[in-house]
């Protein structure tokens, strides 16, 4: 077996083990949430006999290890179960909401990267100058303002005052692709700017550190153009921690979609899990939580692969194992 194949299989096994552990944690945590799903479905006037019959039908009267095994074995076969509230397969609910949450997260991280990396490079190249101070002020404001508050401000300015964008809601991609994209711009911009503030500060710090290294002085002594020194040598070495934080932020955006989707009234995974918790629809909460965990682990796996692309020394090191 080649070292590359060994590393891939090793990371894949770690991914599967992590998902199995997360599934157990999700299942146990949801069991301690107050409320009886059968009582919520049938109402307070339901008789004990009817409640017991519904609990038996839903499998809620089985021992917890049996309930967990029934759930996880179904997940491994691609069956996430059936929603108690909507009485439809959970996979259908997730697929319909994923068309909102996934593009929203991608747009948010796109805005974060597009704004932060140029600002961080500019601040590093103009250290202790007005431009650098301006980037630092933007970073401080971004760190202090919550994403939901930034979303409300964007709604007031762009939707209410300028009326350029809708204040909330979502048009399906099939109905109007342009309308769907327009519906996601403000929701994506609010967390994107907050993440950009963090990444801009990190990029500046990493660039300053890279520009002070010996190999940068050697490159300049060889007469290389400043553009080549900055973007080919310094930036490539500075991107390693930036890529790490981008991967973590992608997971945060998927997990934190519940706030932004409720502010903008978007029918995504965040709003689905928010309503499911209130309705005590445990199968939906379990399915969505496991899917989000899967995406987070998958993003971390992708970050490990990108490391080798950004810095070949990491790839070479793994091949020598």
C-alpha atoms as a PDB file:
ATOM      1  CA  UNK A   1       0.000   0.000   0.000  1.00  0.00           C
ATOM      2  CA  UNK A   2       1.383   3.393  -0.972  1.00  0.00           C
ATOM      3  CA  UNK A   3       1.854   6.072   1.737  1.00  0.00           C
ATOM      4  CA  UNK A   4      -0.781   8.278   0.083  1.00  0.00           C
ATOM      5  CA  UNK A   5      -3.358   5.459   0.080  1.00  0.00           C
ATOM      6  CA  UNK A   6      -2.475   4.644   3.700  1.00  0.00           C
ATOM      7  CA  UNK A   7      -3.024   8.251   4.759  1.00  0.00           C
ATOM      8  CA  UNK A   8      -6.333   8.400   2.869  1.00  0.00           C
ATOM      9  CA  UNK A   9      -7.659   5.197   4.475  1.00  0.00           C
ATOM     10  CA  UNK A  10      -6.471   6.353   7.897  1.00  0.00           C
ATOM     11  CA  UNK A  11      -8.296   9.678   7.580  1.00  0.00           C
ATOM     12  CA  UNK A  12     -11.398   7.943   6.249  1.00  0.00           C
ATOM     13  CA  UNK A  13     -11.497   5.602   9.257  1.00  0.00           C
ATOM     14  CA  UNK A  14     -11.082   8.584  11.588  1.00  0.00           C
ATOM     15  CA  UNK A  15     -13.967  10.297   9.779  1.00  0.00           C
ATOM     16  CA  UNK A  16     -16.239   7.263  10.254  1.00  0.00           C
ATOM     17  CA  UNK A  17     -15.258   6.853  13.905  1.00  0.00           C
ATOM     18  CA  UNK A  18     -15.928  10.540  14.552  1.00  0.00           C
ATOM     19  CA  UNK A  19     -19.354  10.333  12.957  1.00  0.00           C
ATOM     20  CA  UNK A  20     -20.223   7.257  15.028  1.00  0.00           C
ATOM     21  CA  UNK A  21     -19.171   9.018  18.233  1.00  0.00           C
ATOM     22  CA  UNK A  22     -21.083  12.181  17.279  1.00  0.00           C
ATOM     23  CA  UNK A  23     -24.207  10.163  16.496  1.00  0.00           C
ATOM     24  CA  UNK A  24     -24.124   8.644  19.978  1.00  0.00           C
ATOM     25  CA  UNK A  25     -23.705  12.058  21.603  1.00  0.00           C
ATOM     26  CA  UNK A  26     -26.555  13.539  19.547  1.00  0.00           C
ATOM     27  CA  UNK A  27     -28.865  10.667  20.468  1.00  0.00           C
ATOM     28  CA  UNK A  28     -28.120  10.849  24.193  1.00  0.00           C
ATOM     29  CA  UNK A  29     -28.381  14.641  24.395  1.00  0.00           C
ATOM     30  CA  UNK A  30     -31.781  14.665  22.702  1.00  0.00           C
ATOM     31  CA  UNK A  31     -33.135  12.133  25.174  1.00  0.00           C
ATOM     32  CA  UNK A  32     -32.800  14.629  28.037  1.00  0.00           C
ATOM     33  CA  UNK A  33     -34.784  17.380  26.291  1.00  0.00           C
ATOM     34  CA  UNK A  34     -38.002  17.919  28.300  1.00  0.00           C
ATOM     35  CA  UNK A  35     -41.271  16.964  26.670  1.00  0.00           C
ATOM     36  CA  UNK A  36     -43.043  13.878  25.410  1.00  0.00           C
ATOM     37  CA  UNK A  37     -43.370  13.649  21.597  1.00  0.00           C
ATOM     38  CA  UNK A  38     -46.536  11.565  21.927  1.00  0.00           C
ATOM     39  CA  UNK A  39     -48.077  14.171  24.220  1.00  0.00           C
ATOM     40  CA  UNK A  40     -47.159  16.973  21.827  1.00  0.00           C
ATOM     41  CA  UNK A  41     -48.688  15.146  18.858  1.00  0.00           C
ATOM     42  CA  UNK A  42     -51.945  14.072  20.544  1.00  0.00           C
ATOM     43  CA  UNK A  43     -52.399  17.083  22.828  1.00  0.00           C
ATOM     44  CA  UNK A  44     -53.104  17.398  26.531  1.00  0.00           C
ATOM     45  CA  UNK A  45     -56.545  15.781  26.201  1.00  0.00           C
ATOM     46  CA  UNK A  46     -55.119  12.456  25.016  1.00  0.00           C
ATOM     47  CA  UNK A  47     -55.875   9.383  27.120  1.00  0.00           C
ATOM     48  CA  UNK A  48     -53.043   7.295  28.627  1.00  0.00           C
ATOM     49  CA  UNK A  49     -54.021   4.393  26.362  1.00  0.00           C
ATOM     50  CA  UNK A  50     -53.679   6.516  23.212  1.00  0.00           C
ATOM     51  CA  UNK A  51     -50.367   7.936  24.412  1.00  0.00           C
ATOM     52  CA  UNK A  52     -48.999   4.476  25.084  1.00  0.00           C
ATOM     53  CA  UNK A  53     -50.174   3.219  21.681  1.00  0.00           C
ATOM     54  CA  UNK A  54     -48.444   6.105  19.914  1.00  0.00           C
ATOM     55  CA  UNK A  55     -45.237   5.629  21.901  1.00  0.00           C
ATOM     56  CA  UNK A  56     -45.261   1.954  20.881  1.00  0.00           C
ATOM     57  CA  UNK A  57     -45.837   2.890  17.239  1.00  0.00           C
ATOM     58  CA  UNK A  58     -42.937   5.361  17.299  1.00  0.00           C
ATOM     59  CA  UNK A  59     -40.697   2.945  19.189  1.00  0.00           C
ATOM     60  CA  UNK A  60     -40.327   5.318  22.138  1.00  0.00           C
ATOM     61  CA  UNK A  61     -41.101   2.580  24.660  1.00  0.00           C
ATOM     62  CA  UNK A  62     -38.049   0.537  23.661  1.00  0.00           C
ATOM     63  CA  UNK A  63     -34.791   0.608  25.703  1.00  0.00           C
ATOM     64  CA  UNK A  64     -32.419   3.418  24.672  1.00  0.00           C
ATOM     65  CA  UNK A  65     -29.728   1.080  23.236  1.00  0.00           C
ATOM     66  CA  UNK A  66     -32.377  -0.556  21.022  1.00  0.00           C
ATOM     67  CA  UNK A  67     -33.697   2.846  19.912  1.00  0.00           C
ATOM     68  CA  UNK A  68     -30.159   3.966  19.044  1.00  0.00           C
ATOM     69  CA  UNK A  69     -29.394   0.780  17.127  1.00  0.00           C
ATOM     70  CA  UNK A  70     -32.628   1.028  15.150  1.00  0.00           C
ATOM     71  CA  UNK A  71     -31.814   4.622  14.244  1.00  0.00           C
ATOM     72  CA  UNK A  72     -28.129   4.218  13.362  1.00  0.00           C
ATOM     73  CA  UNK A  73     -28.706   1.001  11.407  1.00  0.00           C
ATOM     74  CA  UNK A  74     -31.319   2.825   9.338  1.00  0.00           C
ATOM     75  CA  UNK A  75     -28.900   5.728   8.777  1.00  0.00           C
ATOM     76  CA  UNK A  76     -26.252   3.323   7.479  1.00  0.00           C
ATOM     77  CA  UNK A  77     -28.825   2.091   4.939  1.00  0.00           C
ATOM     78  CA  UNK A  78     -29.686   5.656   3.894  1.00  0.00           C
ATOM     79  CA  UNK A  79     -32.918   5.789   5.896  1.00  0.00           C
ATOM     80  CA  UNK A  80     -33.015   8.726   8.323  1.00  0.00           C
ATOM     81  CA  UNK A  81     -36.483   7.809   9.499  1.00  0.00           C
ATOM     82  CA  UNK A  82     -39.811   9.600   9.240  1.00  0.00           C
ATOM     83  CA  UNK A  83     -40.783  12.978  10.620  1.00  0.00           C
ATOM     84  CA  UNK A  84     -43.266  12.835  13.483  1.00  0.00           C
ATOM     85  CA  UNK A  85     -44.690  16.275  12.680  1.00  0.00           C
ATOM     86  CA  UNK A  86     -44.807  16.210   8.876  1.00  0.00           C
ATOM     87  CA  UNK A  87     -45.211  12.426   8.420  1.00  0.00           C
ATOM     88  CA  UNK A  88     -42.792  12.374   5.471  1.00  0.00           C
ATOM     89  CA  UNK A  89     -39.328  10.838   5.081  1.00  0.00           C
ATOM     90  CA  UNK A  90     -36.707  13.006   6.765  1.00  0.00           C
ATOM     91  CA  UNK A  91     -34.436  12.718   3.733  1.00  0.00           C
ATOM     92  CA  UNK A  92     -37.049  14.562   1.651  1.00  0.00           C
ATOM     93  CA  UNK A  93     -37.247  17.367   4.232  1.00  0.00           C
ATOM     94  CA  UNK A  94     -33.469  17.675   4.337  1.00  0.00           C
ATOM     95  CA  UNK A  95     -33.047  17.721   0.556  1.00  0.00           C
ATOM     96  CA  UNK A  96     -35.644  20.458   0.149  1.00  0.00           C
ATOM     97  CA  UNK A  97     -33.967  22.602   2.859  1.00  0.00           C
ATOM     98  CA  UNK A  98     -30.408  21.831   1.767  1.00  0.00           C
ATOM     99  CA  UNK A  99     -30.982  23.845  -1.412  1.00  0.00           C
ATOM    100  CA  UNK A 100     -31.135  26.913   0.853  1.00  0.00           C
ATOM    101  CA  UNK A 101     -28.561  26.247   3.574  1.00  0.00           C
ATOM    102  CA  UNK A 102     -25.719  24.898   1.434  1.00  0.00           C
ATOM    103  CA  UNK A 103     -25.661  27.797  -1.090  1.00  0.00           C
ATOM    104  CA  UNK A 104     -26.023  30.192   1.845  1.00  0.00           C
ATOM    105  CA  UNK A 105     -22.921  28.761   3.545  1.00  0.00           C
ATOM    106  CA  UNK A 106     -20.936  28.762   0.277  1.00  0.00           C
ATOM    107  CA  UNK A 107     -21.859  32.386  -0.440  1.00  0.00           C
ATOM    108  CA  UNK A 108     -20.960  33.411   3.110  1.00  0.00           C
ATOM    109  CA  UNK A 109     -17.526  31.808   2.987  1.00  0.00           C
ATOM    110  CA  UNK A 110     -17.012  33.261  -0.521  1.00  0.00           C
ATOM    111  CA  UNK A 111     -17.690  36.784   0.783  1.00  0.00           C
ATOM    112  CA  UNK A 112     -15.436  36.149   3.773  1.00  0.00           C
ATOM    113  CA  UNK A 113     -12.489  35.029   1.622  1.00  0.00           C
ATOM    114  CA  UNK A 114     -12.960  37.667  -1.097  1.00  0.00           C
ATOM    115  CA  UNK A 115     -13.013  40.504   1.437  1.00  0.00           C
ATOM    116  CA  UNK A 116     -10.499  39.238   3.997  1.00  0.00           C
ATOM    117  CA  UNK A 117      -7.471  38.018   2.051  1.00  0.00           C
ATOM    118  CA  UNK A 118      -6.971  41.193  -0.054  1.00  0.00           C
ATOM    119  CA  UNK A 119      -7.531  43.340   3.063  1.00  0.00           C
ATOM    120  CA  UNK A 120      -5.088  41.253   5.101  1.00  0.00           C
ATOM    121  CA  UNK A 121      -2.411  41.445   2.397  1.00  0.00           C
ATOM    122  CA  UNK A 122      -2.940  45.195   2.001  1.00  0.00           C
ATOM    123  CA  UNK A 123      -2.674  45.759   5.760  1.00  0.00           C
ATOM    124  CA  UNK A 124       0.522  43.700   5.970  1.00  0.00           C
ATOM    125  CA  UNK A 125       2.133  45.584   3.087  1.00  0.00           C
ATOM    126  CA  UNK A 126       1.134  48.953   4.622  1.00  0.00           C
ATOM    127  CA  UNK A 127       1.931  48.178   8.234  1.00  0.00           C
ATOM    128  CA  UNK A 128       1.428  51.079  10.669  1.00  0.00           C
ATOM    129  CA  UNK A 129      -0.045  53.243   7.942  1.00  0.00           C
ATOM    130  CA  UNK A 130      -3.612  54.612   7.635  1.00  0.00           C
ATOM    131  CA  UNK A 131      -4.690  51.674   5.441  1.00  0.00           C
ATOM    132  CA  UNK A 132      -3.475  49.195   8.040  1.00  0.00           C
ATOM    133  CA  UNK A 133      -5.318  51.047  10.810  1.00  0.00           C
ATOM    134  CA  UNK A 134      -8.491  51.057   8.696  1.00  0.00           C
ATOM    135  CA  UNK A 135      -8.350  47.279   8.256  1.00  0.00           C
ATOM    136  CA  UNK A 136      -7.787  46.827  11.991  1.00  0.00           C
ATOM    137  CA  UNK A 137     -10.791  49.031  12.796  1.00  0.00           C
ATOM    138  CA  UNK A 138     -12.933  46.958  10.406  1.00  0.00           C
ATOM    139  CA  UNK A 139     -11.663  43.799  12.073  1.00  0.00           C
ATOM    140  CA  UNK A 140     -12.482  45.085  15.562  1.00  0.00           C
ATOM    141  CA  UNK A 141     -16.000  46.082  14.526  1.00  0.00           C
ATOM    142  CA  UNK A 142     -16.542  42.701  12.883  1.00  0.00           C
ATOM    143  CA  UNK A 143     -15.418  40.878  16.009  1.00  0.00           C
ATOM    144  CA  UNK A 144     -17.757  42.950  18.184  1.00  0.00           C
ATOM    145  CA  UNK A 145     -20.944  42.774  16.076  1.00  0.00           C
ATOM    146  CA  UNK A 146     -23.017  39.540  16.186  1.00  0.00           C
ATOM    147  CA  UNK A 147     -24.081  38.093  12.837  1.00  0.00           C
ATOM    148  CA  UNK A 148     -27.811  38.433  13.590  1.00  0.00           C
ATOM    149  CA  UNK A 149     -27.369  42.146  14.452  1.00  0.00           C
ATOM    150  CA  UNK A 150     -25.419  42.691  11.233  1.00  0.00           C
ATOM    151  CA  UNK A 151     -28.274  40.963   9.393  1.00  0.00           C
ATOM    152  CA  UNK A 152     -30.851  43.305  10.936  1.00  0.00           C
ATOM    153  CA  UNK A 153     -28.757  46.355   9.957  1.00  0.00           C
ATOM    154  CA  UNK A 154     -28.430  45.062   6.393  1.00  0.00           C
ATOM    155  CA  UNK A 155     -32.207  44.550   6.212  1.00  0.00           C
ATOM    156  CA  UNK A 156     -32.874  48.089   7.440  1.00  0.00           C
ATOM    157  CA  UNK A 157     -30.444  49.667   4.972  1.00  0.00           C
ATOM    158  CA  UNK A 158     -30.630  47.553   1.798  1.00  0.00           C
ATOM    159  CA  UNK A 159     -34.188  46.169   2.073  1.00  0.00           C
ATOM    160  CA  UNK A 160     -36.152  48.866   3.890  1.00  0.00           C
ATOM    161  CA  UNK A 161     -34.320  52.090   2.985  1.00  0.00           C
ATOM    162  CA  UNK A 162     -32.841  51.350  -0.462  1.00  0.00           C
ATOM    163  CA  UNK A 163     -35.277  48.505  -1.325  1.00  0.00           C
ATOM    164  CA  UNK A 164     -32.628  46.723  -3.380  1.00  0.00           C
ATOM    165  CA  UNK A 165     -33.153  43.306  -1.820  1.00  0.00           C
ATOM    166  CA  UNK A 166     -36.048  41.450  -0.185  1.00  0.00           C
ATOM    167  CA  UNK A 167     -36.193  41.684   3.608  1.00  0.00           C
ATOM    168  CA  UNK A 168     -36.780  37.941   3.945  1.00  0.00           C
ATOM    169  CA  UNK A 169     -38.254  34.843   2.376  1.00  0.00           C
ATOM    170  CA  UNK A 170     -36.898  32.706  -0.396  1.00  0.00           C
ATOM    171  CA  UNK A 171     -37.797  32.029  -4.032  1.00  0.00           C
ATOM    172  CA  UNK A 172     -37.053  28.487  -5.137  1.00  0.00           C
ATOM    173  CA  UNK A 173     -34.251  27.860  -7.611  1.00  0.00           C
ATOM    174  CA  UNK A 174     -36.704  26.252 -10.018  1.00  0.00           C
ATOM    175  CA  UNK A 175     -39.043  29.244  -9.912  1.00  0.00           C
ATOM    176  CA  UNK A 176     -36.388  31.953 -10.312  1.00  0.00           C
ATOM    177  CA  UNK A 177     -32.635  31.234 -10.053  1.00  0.00           C
ATOM    178  CA  UNK A 178     -31.852  34.950 -10.019  1.00  0.00           C
ATOM    179  CA  UNK A 179     -34.543  35.590  -7.412  1.00  0.00           C
ATOM    180  CA  UNK A 180     -33.202  32.760  -5.236  1.00  0.00           C
ATOM    181  CA  UNK A 181     -29.669  34.160  -5.459  1.00  0.00           C
ATOM    182  CA  UNK A 182     -30.945  37.632  -4.626  1.00  0.00           C
ATOM    183  CA  UNK A 183     -32.779  36.234  -1.591  1.00  0.00           C
ATOM    184  CA  UNK A 184     -29.516  34.767  -0.264  1.00  0.00           C
ATOM    185  CA  UNK A 185     -27.198  37.746  -0.778  1.00  0.00           C
ATOM    186  CA  UNK A 186     -28.039  39.663   2.396  1.00  0.00           C
ATOM    187  CA  UNK A 187     -28.248  36.516   4.582  1.00  0.00           C
ATOM    188  CA  UNK A 188     -24.850  35.434   3.224  1.00  0.00           C
ATOM    189  CA  UNK A 189     -23.272  38.874   3.544  1.00  0.00           C
ATOM    190  CA  UNK A 190     -24.027  39.315   7.253  1.00  0.00           C
ATOM    191  CA  UNK A 191     -22.087  36.253   8.548  1.00  0.00           C
ATOM    192  CA  UNK A 192     -19.604  36.628   5.675  1.00  0.00           C
ATOM    193  CA  UNK A 193     -18.493  40.066   6.851  1.00  0.00           C
ATOM    194  CA  UNK A 194     -18.119  38.827  10.425  1.00  0.00           C
ATOM    195  CA  UNK A 195     -15.921  35.945   9.273  1.00  0.00           C
ATOM    196  CA  UNK A 196     -13.997  38.302   6.994  1.00  0.00           C
ATOM    197  CA  UNK A 197     -13.024  40.394  10.014  1.00  0.00           C
ATOM    198  CA  UNK A 198     -11.403  37.367  11.651  1.00  0.00           C
ATOM    199  CA  UNK A 199      -9.694  36.188   8.462  1.00  0.00           C
ATOM    200  CA  UNK A 200      -8.387  39.676   7.596  1.00  0.00           C
ATOM    201  CA  UNK A 201      -6.638  39.971  10.954  1.00  0.00           C
ATOM    202  CA  UNK A 202      -5.250  36.436  10.651  1.00  0.00           C
ATOM    203  CA  UNK A 203      -4.052  37.009   7.060  1.00  0.00           C
ATOM    204  CA  UNK A 204      -2.297  40.214   8.097  1.00  0.00           C
ATOM    205  CA  UNK A 205      -0.551  38.485  10.983  1.00  0.00           C
ATOM    206  CA  UNK A 206       0.534  35.496   8.883  1.00  0.00           C
ATOM    207  CA  UNK A 207       1.726  37.707   6.040  1.00  0.00           C
ATOM    208  CA  UNK A 208       3.820  39.855   8.402  1.00  0.00           C
ATOM    209  CA  UNK A 209       5.393  36.711   9.823  1.00  0.00           C
ATOM    210  CA  UNK A 210       6.095  35.276   6.364  1.00  0.00           C
ATOM    211  CA  UNK A 211       7.543  38.559   5.057  1.00  0.00           C
ATOM    212  CA  UNK A 212      10.049  38.550   7.913  1.00  0.00           C
ATOM    213  CA  UNK A 213      11.408  35.081   7.103  1.00  0.00           C
ATOM    214  CA  UNK A 214      14.903  34.487   5.725  1.00  0.00           C
ATOM    215  CA  UNK A 215      13.670  32.966   2.452  1.00  0.00           C
ATOM    216  CA  UNK A 216      11.830  36.215   1.649  1.00  0.00           C
ATOM    217  CA  UNK A 217      15.030  38.222   2.123  1.00  0.00           C
ATOM    218  CA  UNK A 218      16.828  35.689  -0.073  1.00  0.00           C
ATOM    219  CA  UNK A 219      14.163  36.004  -2.784  1.00  0.00           C
ATOM    220  CA  UNK A 220      14.477  39.791  -2.743  1.00  0.00           C
ATOM    221  CA  UNK A 221      18.275  39.557  -2.812  1.00  0.00           C
ATOM    222  CA  UNK A 222      18.004  37.457  -5.981  1.00  0.00           C
ATOM    223  CA  UNK A 223      16.225  40.351  -7.649  1.00  0.00           C
ATOM    224  CA  UNK A 224      12.746  38.792  -7.884  1.00  0.00           C
ATOM    225  CA  UNK A 225       9.908  41.197  -8.531  1.00  0.00           C
ATOM    226  CA  UNK A 226       8.072  42.324  -5.394  1.00  0.00           C
ATOM    227  CA  UNK A 227       4.813  40.938  -6.771  1.00  0.00           C
ATOM    228  CA  UNK A 228       6.389  37.475  -7.104  1.00  0.00           C
ATOM    229  CA  UNK A 229       7.899  37.685  -3.616  1.00  0.00           C
ATOM    230  CA  UNK A 230       4.603  38.671  -2.019  1.00  0.00           C
ATOM    231  CA  UNK A 231       2.101  36.504  -3.871  1.00  0.00           C
ATOM    232  CA  UNK A 232       4.116  33.419  -4.817  1.00  0.00           C
ATOM    233  CA  UNK A 233       6.356  33.007  -1.784  1.00  0.00           C
ATOM    234  CA  UNK A 234       4.985  34.926   1.208  1.00  0.00           C
ATOM    235  CA  UNK A 235       1.268  34.415   0.566  1.00  0.00           C
ATOM    236  CA  UNK A 236       1.600  30.708  -0.156  1.00  0.00           C
ATOM    237  CA  UNK A 237       3.292  30.142   3.197  1.00  0.00           C
ATOM    238  CA  UNK A 238       0.859  32.412   5.022  1.00  0.00           C
ATOM    239  CA  UNK A 239      -2.217  30.605   3.703  1.00  0.00           C
ATOM    240  CA  UNK A 240      -1.829  27.443   5.806  1.00  0.00           C
ATOM    241  CA  UNK A 241      -3.427  28.819   9.008  1.00  0.00           C
ATOM    242  CA  UNK A 242      -5.909  30.799   6.908  1.00  0.00           C
ATOM    243  CA  UNK A 243      -7.111  27.620   5.178  1.00  0.00           C
ATOM    244  CA  UNK A 244      -7.515  25.991   8.602  1.00  0.00           C
ATOM    245  CA  UNK A 245      -9.748  28.797   9.879  1.00  0.00           C
ATOM    246  CA  UNK A 246     -11.751  28.868   6.625  1.00  0.00           C
ATOM    247  CA  UNK A 247     -12.512  25.172   7.086  1.00  0.00           C
ATOM    248  CA  UNK A 248     -13.609  25.730  10.680  1.00  0.00           C
ATOM    249  CA  UNK A 249     -15.743  28.695   9.646  1.00  0.00           C
ATOM    250  CA  UNK A 250     -17.481  26.631   6.976  1.00  0.00           C
ATOM    251  CA  UNK A 251     -18.559  24.218   9.686  1.00  0.00           C
ATOM    252  CA  UNK A 252     -19.649  27.114  11.909  1.00  0.00           C
ATOM    253  CA  UNK A 253     -21.762  28.547   9.103  1.00  0.00           C
ATOM    254  CA  UNK A 254     -23.603  25.253   8.610  1.00  0.00           C
ATOM    255  CA  UNK A 255     -24.127  24.787  12.338  1.00  0.00           C
ATOM    256  CA  UNK A 256     -25.019  28.430  12.944  1.00  0.00           C
ATOM    257  CA  UNK A 257     -27.488  28.733  10.079  1.00  0.00           C
ATOM    258  CA  UNK A 258     -30.320  28.508  12.600  1.00  0.00           C
ATOM    259  CA  UNK A 259     -29.821  32.160  13.623  1.00  0.00           C
ATOM    260  CA  UNK A 260     -29.478  33.741  10.179  1.00  0.00           C
ATOM    261  CA  UNK A 261     -32.284  31.658   8.655  1.00  0.00           C
ATOM    262  CA  UNK A 262     -34.649  32.777  11.401  1.00  0.00           C
ATOM    263  CA  UNK A 263     -33.666  36.434  11.003  1.00  0.00           C
ATOM    264  CA  UNK A 264     -34.309  36.313   7.240  1.00  0.00           C
ATOM    265  CA  UNK A 265     -37.135  33.736   7.410  1.00  0.00           C
ATOM    266  CA  UNK A 266     -35.335  31.268   5.138  1.00  0.00           C
ATOM    267  CA  UNK A 267     -36.677  27.688   4.810  1.00  0.00           C
ATOM    268  CA  UNK A 268     -33.312  26.017   5.387  1.00  0.00           C
ATOM    269  CA  UNK A 269     -31.880  23.368   7.673  1.00  0.00           C
ATOM    270  CA  UNK A 270     -31.418  25.831  10.518  1.00  0.00           C
ATOM    271  CA  UNK A 271     -35.074  26.814  10.576  1.00  0.00           C
ATOM    272  CA  UNK A 272     -36.114  23.173  10.138  1.00  0.00           C
ATOM    273  CA  UNK A 273     -34.155  22.047  13.196  1.00  0.00           C
ATOM    274  CA  UNK A 274     -35.383  25.080  15.175  1.00  0.00           C
ATOM    275  CA  UNK A 275     -39.012  24.144  14.531  1.00  0.00           C
ATOM    276  CA  UNK A 276     -38.317  20.435  15.099  1.00  0.00           C
ATOM    277  CA  UNK A 277     -36.871  21.141  18.557  1.00  0.00           C
ATOM    278  CA  UNK A 278     -39.969  23.129  19.494  1.00  0.00           C
ATOM    279  CA  UNK A 279     -42.241  20.359  18.199  1.00  0.00           C
ATOM    280  CA  UNK A 280     -40.136  17.623  19.878  1.00  0.00           C
ATOM    281  CA  UNK A 281     -39.662  15.984  16.489  1.00  0.00           C
ATOM    282  CA  UNK A 282     -36.601  14.014  17.579  1.00  0.00           C
ATOM    283  CA  UNK A 283     -36.039  12.050  14.334  1.00  0.00           C
ATOM    284  CA  UNK A 284     -35.729  15.317  12.373  1.00  0.00           C
ATOM    285  CA  UNK A 285     -33.394  16.863  14.971  1.00  0.00           C
ATOM    286  CA  UNK A 286     -31.226  13.743  14.953  1.00  0.00           C
ATOM    287  CA  UNK A 287     -31.101  13.549  11.157  1.00  0.00           C
ATOM    288  CA  UNK A 288     -30.249  17.227  10.609  1.00  0.00           C
ATOM    289  CA  UNK A 289     -27.686  17.277  13.426  1.00  0.00           C
ATOM    290  CA  UNK A 290     -25.950  14.197  12.043  1.00  0.00           C
ATOM    291  CA  UNK A 291     -25.899  15.695   8.541  1.00  0.00           C
ATOM    292  CA  UNK A 292     -24.347  18.928   9.822  1.00  0.00           C
ATOM    293  CA  UNK A 293     -21.757  16.912  11.751  1.00  0.00           C
ATOM    294  CA  UNK A 294     -21.003  14.941   8.576  1.00  0.00           C
ATOM    295  CA  UNK A 295     -20.415  18.150   6.603  1.00  0.00           C
ATOM    296  CA  UNK A 296     -18.134  19.561   9.317  1.00  0.00           C
ATOM    297  CA  UNK A 297     -16.015  16.404   9.380  1.00  0.00           C
ATOM    298  CA  UNK A 298     -15.977  16.317   5.569  1.00  0.00           C
ATOM    299  CA  UNK A 299     -14.808  19.938   5.408  1.00  0.00           C
ATOM    300  CA  UNK A 300     -11.973  19.160   7.824  1.00  0.00           C
ATOM    301  CA  UNK A 301     -11.023  16.222   5.614  1.00  0.00           C
ATOM    302  CA  UNK A 302     -10.991  18.533   2.574  1.00  0.00           C
ATOM    303  CA  UNK A 303      -8.811  21.034   4.463  1.00  0.00           C
ATOM    304  CA  UNK A 304      -6.206  18.305   5.023  1.00  0.00           C
ATOM    305  CA  UNK A 305      -6.154  17.675   1.271  1.00  0.00           C
ATOM    306  CA  UNK A 306      -5.878  21.394   0.472  1.00  0.00           C
ATOM    307  CA  UNK A 307      -2.853  21.648   2.784  1.00  0.00           C
ATOM    308  CA  UNK A 308      -0.878  19.525   0.345  1.00  0.00           C
ATOM    309  CA  UNK A 309      -1.935  21.720  -2.584  1.00  0.00           C
ATOM    310  CA  UNK A 310      -1.064  24.991  -0.844  1.00  0.00           C
ATOM    311  CA  UNK A 311       2.225  23.751   0.632  1.00  0.00           C
ATOM    312  CA  UNK A 312       3.858  20.781  -1.175  1.00  0.00           C
ATOM    313  CA  UNK A 313       6.156  20.237   1.837  1.00  0.00           C
ATOM    314  CA  UNK A 314       3.185  18.857   3.798  1.00  0.00           C
ATOM    315  CA  UNK A 315       2.304  16.438   0.988  1.00  0.00           C
ATOM    316  CA  UNK A 316       5.921  15.322   0.738  1.00  0.00           C
ATOM    317  CA  UNK A 317       6.036  14.774   4.493  1.00  0.00           C
ATOM    318  CA  UNK A 318       2.989  12.531   4.417  1.00  0.00           C
ATOM    319  CA  UNK A 319       4.406  10.474   1.555  1.00  0.00           C
ATOM    320  CA  UNK A 320       7.529   9.727   3.565  1.00  0.00           C
ATOM    321  CA  UNK A 321       5.540   8.117   6.414  1.00  0.00           C
END
